[in-house]
Every structure is written in structure tokens, then in C-alpha cells.
């Protein structure tokens, strides 16, 4: 994620020329990052089930607050590319929508998830072309924005993540957690992933701005 955004900001600033928007390899790289995010949403929900209202609402409120910061910041940077349904907005929506599905069996969740992904990838409905419905992922049109991660197909990836999370939860834990500086560092990043997400963007913007000024 950090590497992709560094390349994106550097390209936007004209420091490098990378085919981020048209090269299939870059597009696949971006989609794989987003897919990992949404898949982990489902895994986390499955691992934490049954959902506890207090911690879940606190987490949801934090994600929504950060999504609001992203929207406000994008409006300041470029009102024509404001983020109204970026990855944090989508994660919040998918997290709420996935909770009722925790009651379903994995045998139902897996085909449901695959179907939702297929709908989001292959279906476009003219009836959903209104700007207020672009977030669905079924709209044939999307406007210019810094970040747009529609509900579909990503909610389908979250549902598949629920199944994967259940499989991981069923694996017996043998022995203490892996120790060592690398393991501790990875666990630290995992516990503060939202902070890392929010902090890396202004950090990269600052670095790119400095390089642009020096060039």
C-alpha cells in the first residue's frame, strides 16, 4: 500500500512517469491491495465473533471519523475529486452489512460471496447511474475522485473473508506466539493498521512536495 501510494503521488507530482492508471500490472497491484483490506475485514469479523456491541461501535466510529477526515482533506486538495466512498467508507459499510451474515453457514456464505463479486465485476445498471448511487458498484458511470471503492464487488470479498476467518479460527493454537523483533514489529503494524493508513498519506505527500521543491 505504501509503495503503491508513493508511486501514485510521485506520478501525480510529475517526478516520475509510471503507467499507474493504464498498465494492467499496476491496476492488478492496486486491486490486490484493496482486496487484501476487504478480505481482512471479513477475517477479523469472523475471528472476533460473536460481535460485542461496545468495541464494535467504537471501532466503527473510529473508521467513520477517519473516513470523514479523508473526505474533508480531499475537498480541500481538489473539490472536483472529492472522496465520497473511498476505502474507509466502504469498509465501514461492509462491516455493518456483514454482521447479520455471521449467522449463516460457511456453505451459504462462500457461494454468496462469489456471486456478489461476480455481480460487482460484471453487472452495470442504467437505473443506478444517478450520482447518489455510484457507491453501489453497479452504476455504469463513476466520477473523477481520488479514491472510489464501491460496495460491490468488495462486499463479496468481505463475505469470502468471513469463511476464511472461520477456517483460521478452527485451527488449534499450539504454543506461544512467535517471538523476535520482526514478529513484534508485524504485530505492532497489525494493531495500529488504521493509524498507519492515516499517517502514511500526509507523510508521503510531504516527501513528494519536498522532492518537487528540490527538483
Protein backbone atom coordinates (compact mmCIF):
# COMPACT_ATOMS: atom_id res chain seq x y z
CA UNK A 1 0.00 0.00 0.00
CA UNK A 2 2.72 2.46 0.96
CA UNK A 3 4.75 1.56 -2.13
CA UNK A 4 1.74 1.99 -4.42
CA UNK A 5 0.77 5.34 -2.92
CA UNK A 6 4.36 6.57 -3.11
CA UNK A 7 4.40 5.75 -6.82
CA UNK A 8 0.97 7.34 -7.30
CA UNK A 9 1.87 10.62 -5.56
CA UNK A 10 5.21 10.81 -7.37
CA UNK A 11 3.44 10.31 -10.70
CA UNK A 12 0.80 12.93 -9.86
CA UNK A 13 3.56 15.40 -8.99
CA UNK A 14 5.41 14.72 -12.24
CA UNK A 15 8.52 13.37 -10.51
CA UNK A 16 8.28 10.06 -12.38
CA UNK A 17 6.27 8.72 -15.29
CA UNK A 18 4.58 5.47 -14.35
CA UNK A 19 1.55 3.98 -16.16
CA UNK A 20 -0.38 3.53 -12.94
CA UNK A 21 -3.82 4.09 -14.46
CA UNK A 22 -3.41 2.09 -17.68
CA UNK A 23 -0.89 -0.69 -17.08
CA UNK A 24 -2.65 -3.92 -16.08
CA UNK A 25 0.14 -4.82 -13.70
CA UNK A 26 -0.29 -1.60 -11.74
CA UNK A 27 -4.06 -1.99 -11.80
CA UNK A 28 -3.76 -5.57 -10.54
CA UNK A 29 -1.37 -4.39 -7.83
CA UNK A 30 -3.88 -1.78 -6.64
CA UNK A 31 -6.79 -4.23 -6.74
CA UNK A 32 -4.82 -6.82 -4.78
CA UNK A 33 -4.10 -4.29 -2.04
CA UNK A 34 -7.76 -3.30 -1.79
CA UNK A 35 -8.79 -6.95 -1.93
CA UNK A 36 -6.49 -7.75 1.00
CA UNK A 37 -8.05 -4.91 3.00
CA UNK A 38 -11.60 -6.14 2.44
CA UNK A 39 -10.71 -9.78 2.86
CA UNK A 40 -9.16 -8.99 6.24
CA UNK A 41 -12.34 -7.16 7.27
CA UNK A 42 -14.22 -10.43 6.88
CA UNK A 43 -11.47 -12.45 8.56
CA UNK A 44 -11.40 -10.08 11.53
CA UNK A 45 -15.18 -10.20 11.95
CA UNK A 46 -15.14 -13.99 11.92
CA UNK A 47 -12.27 -14.19 14.41
CA UNK A 48 -13.96 -11.74 16.79
CA UNK A 49 -17.41 -13.37 16.62
CA UNK A 50 -19.69 -13.16 18.49
CA UNK A 51 -19.62 -9.41 17.89
CA UNK A 52 -19.55 -7.30 21.05
CA UNK A 53 -21.58 -4.12 20.63
CA UNK A 54 -19.37 -1.72 22.60
CA UNK A 55 -15.99 -2.42 20.98
CA UNK A 56 -17.60 -2.83 17.55
CA UNK A 57 -19.34 0.55 17.74
CA UNK A 58 -16.12 2.17 18.92
CA UNK A 59 -14.22 0.67 16.01
CA UNK A 60 -16.95 1.67 13.55
CA UNK A 61 -16.99 5.22 14.89
CA UNK A 62 -13.22 5.46 14.52
CA UNK A 63 -13.31 4.23 10.92
CA UNK A 64 -16.14 6.65 10.07
CA UNK A 65 -14.27 9.54 11.67
CA UNK A 66 -11.17 8.73 9.63
CA UNK A 67 -13.34 8.45 6.51
CA UNK A 68 -14.67 11.91 7.27
CA UNK A 69 -11.14 13.25 7.54
CA UNK A 70 -10.33 11.75 4.13
CA UNK A 71 -13.41 13.37 2.59
CA UNK A 72 -12.64 16.78 4.07
CA UNK A 73 -8.98 16.59 3.07
CA UNK A 74 -9.84 15.60 -0.49
CA UNK A 75 -12.28 18.51 -0.73
CA UNK A 76 -9.51 20.89 0.31
CA UNK A 77 -6.98 19.40 -2.11
CA UNK A 78 -9.31 19.26 -5.13
CA UNK A 79 -13.11 19.71 -4.83
CA UNK A 80 -13.58 18.13 -8.27
CA UNK A 81 -12.11 14.85 -6.98
CA UNK A 82 -13.66 14.68 -3.53
CA UNK A 83 -13.77 11.24 -1.92
CA UNK A 84 -17.33 10.28 -1.02
CA UNK A 85 -16.99 6.49 -0.91
CA UNK A 86 -13.35 5.59 -0.57
CA UNK A 87 -11.87 2.51 1.04
CA UNK A 88 -12.62 3.58 4.63
CA UNK A 89 -16.22 4.47 3.77
CA UNK A 90 -16.60 1.08 2.08
CA UNK A 91 -15.01 -0.78 5.00
CA UNK A 92 -17.46 0.85 7.40
CA UNK A 93 -20.45 -0.04 5.21
CA UNK A 94 -19.26 -3.59 4.61
CA UNK A 95 -18.56 -4.14 8.30
CA UNK A 96 -22.14 -3.23 9.22
CA UNK A 97 -23.67 -5.24 6.38
CA UNK A 98 -21.61 -8.33 7.21
CA UNK A 99 -22.67 -8.65 10.85
CA UNK A 100 -26.08 -10.26 10.12
CA UNK A 101 -24.37 -12.75 7.81
CA UNK A 102 -22.38 -14.19 10.69
CA UNK A 103 -25.43 -16.35 11.44
CA UNK A 104 -25.18 -18.09 8.07
CA UNK A 105 -23.20 -21.26 7.48
CA UNK A 106 -19.99 -21.22 5.50
CA UNK A 107 -21.69 -23.41 2.91
CA UNK A 108 -24.02 -20.48 2.17
CA UNK A 109 -21.52 -17.67 2.66
CA UNK A 110 -18.97 -18.88 0.10
CA UNK A 111 -21.33 -19.01 -2.91
CA UNK A 112 -22.95 -15.76 -1.74
CA UNK A 113 -19.58 -14.03 -1.63
CA UNK A 114 -18.56 -15.32 -5.06
CA UNK A 115 -21.92 -14.23 -6.51
CA UNK A 116 -21.58 -10.72 -5.06
CA UNK A 117 -18.08 -10.39 -6.51
CA UNK A 118 -19.36 -11.51 -9.92
CA UNK A 119 -22.23 -9.02 -9.75
CA UNK A 120 -19.89 -6.17 -8.89
CA UNK A 121 -17.48 -7.05 -11.68
CA UNK A 122 -19.90 -7.91 -14.45
CA UNK A 123 -23.19 -6.04 -13.91
CA UNK A 124 -23.93 -2.38 -14.67
CA UNK A 125 -27.47 -0.99 -14.41
CA UNK A 126 -28.53 2.23 -16.08
CA UNK A 127 -31.16 2.66 -13.36
CA UNK A 128 -28.31 3.19 -10.87
CA UNK A 129 -26.49 5.87 -12.87
CA UNK A 130 -27.56 8.66 -10.51
CA UNK A 131 -24.54 10.13 -8.64
CA UNK A 132 -26.14 9.23 -5.30
CA UNK A 133 -25.96 5.54 -6.27
CA UNK A 134 -22.40 5.33 -7.58
CA UNK A 135 -21.32 3.78 -4.29
CA UNK A 136 -23.20 0.57 -5.10
CA UNK A 137 -20.69 -0.55 -7.71
CA UNK A 138 -23.46 -1.35 -10.16
CA UNK A 139 -23.58 2.11 -11.70
CA UNK A 140 -22.35 2.38 -15.31
CA UNK A 141 -20.69 5.70 -14.51
CA UNK A 142 -18.28 6.91 -11.84
CA UNK A 143 -17.00 10.42 -11.49
CA UNK A 144 -13.39 11.52 -11.04
CA UNK A 145 -12.20 11.07 -7.46
CA UNK A 146 -9.02 10.42 -5.53
CA UNK A 147 -10.42 7.11 -4.28
CA UNK A 148 -13.53 5.13 -5.11
CA UNK A 149 -14.07 1.64 -3.69
CA UNK A 150 -17.70 0.65 -4.34
CA UNK A 151 -19.78 -1.63 -2.16
CA UNK A 152 -19.74 -4.29 -4.86
CA UNK A 153 -17.67 -6.27 -5.58
CA UNK A 154 -15.82 -5.57 -2.34
CA UNK A 155 -18.62 -6.71 -0.04
CA UNK A 156 -18.38 -10.08 -1.75
CA UNK A 157 -14.69 -10.22 -0.82
CA UNK A 158 -15.63 -9.44 2.80
CA UNK A 159 -18.12 -12.33 2.77
CA UNK A 160 -15.46 -14.70 1.43
CA UNK A 161 -13.20 -13.37 4.19
CA UNK A 162 -15.78 -14.49 6.75
CA UNK A 163 -15.39 -18.05 5.51
CA UNK A 164 -11.59 -17.83 5.60
CA UNK A 165 -11.71 -16.36 9.10
CA UNK A 166 -13.80 -19.29 10.33
CA UNK A 167 -11.30 -21.72 8.87
CA UNK A 168 -8.44 -19.92 10.61
CA UNK A 169 -10.38 -19.82 13.88
CA UNK A 170 -10.84 -23.58 13.75
CA UNK A 171 -7.09 -24.20 13.58
CA UNK A 172 -5.83 -25.11 17.08
CA UNK A 173 -3.19 -22.81 18.52
CA UNK A 174 -0.09 -24.69 19.62
CA UNK A 175 2.39 -22.93 21.86
CA UNK A 176 3.08 -19.25 22.49
CA UNK A 177 3.11 -16.57 19.75
CA UNK A 178 6.20 -16.31 17.58
CA UNK A 179 8.78 -14.09 19.24
CA UNK A 180 11.53 -11.91 17.83
CA UNK A 181 11.85 -8.30 16.70
CA UNK A 182 10.31 -8.93 13.27
CA UNK A 183 7.27 -10.70 14.75
CA UNK A 184 6.78 -7.90 17.29
CA UNK A 185 7.05 -5.30 14.54
CA UNK A 186 4.46 -7.09 12.38
CA UNK A 187 2.09 -7.38 15.35
CA UNK A 188 2.58 -3.67 16.07
CA UNK A 189 1.65 -2.78 12.49
CA UNK A 190 -1.39 -5.04 12.69
CA UNK A 191 -2.66 -3.48 15.91
CA UNK A 192 -2.26 0.04 14.52
CA UNK A 193 -3.07 -0.51 10.85
CA UNK A 194 -5.62 2.33 10.73
CA UNK A 195 -3.12 4.77 12.21
CA UNK A 196 -0.56 3.62 9.65
CA UNK A 197 -3.08 4.14 6.86
CA UNK A 198 -3.96 7.66 8.01
CA UNK A 199 -0.37 8.70 8.73
CA UNK A 200 1.39 7.43 5.61
CA UNK A 201 -0.54 9.65 3.19
CA UNK A 202 0.45 13.06 4.64
CA UNK A 203 3.97 11.69 5.17
CA UNK A 204 4.26 10.73 1.50
CA UNK A 205 2.70 14.00 0.36
CA UNK A 206 5.29 15.88 2.40
CA UNK A 207 8.17 13.85 0.97
CA UNK A 208 6.91 14.29 -2.60
CA UNK A 209 6.38 18.03 -2.06
CA UNK A 210 9.92 18.36 -0.75
CA UNK A 211 11.36 16.45 -3.71
CA UNK A 212 9.27 18.56 -6.09
CA UNK A 213 10.61 21.72 -4.46
CA UNK A 214 14.21 20.49 -4.69
CA UNK A 215 13.91 19.37 -8.32
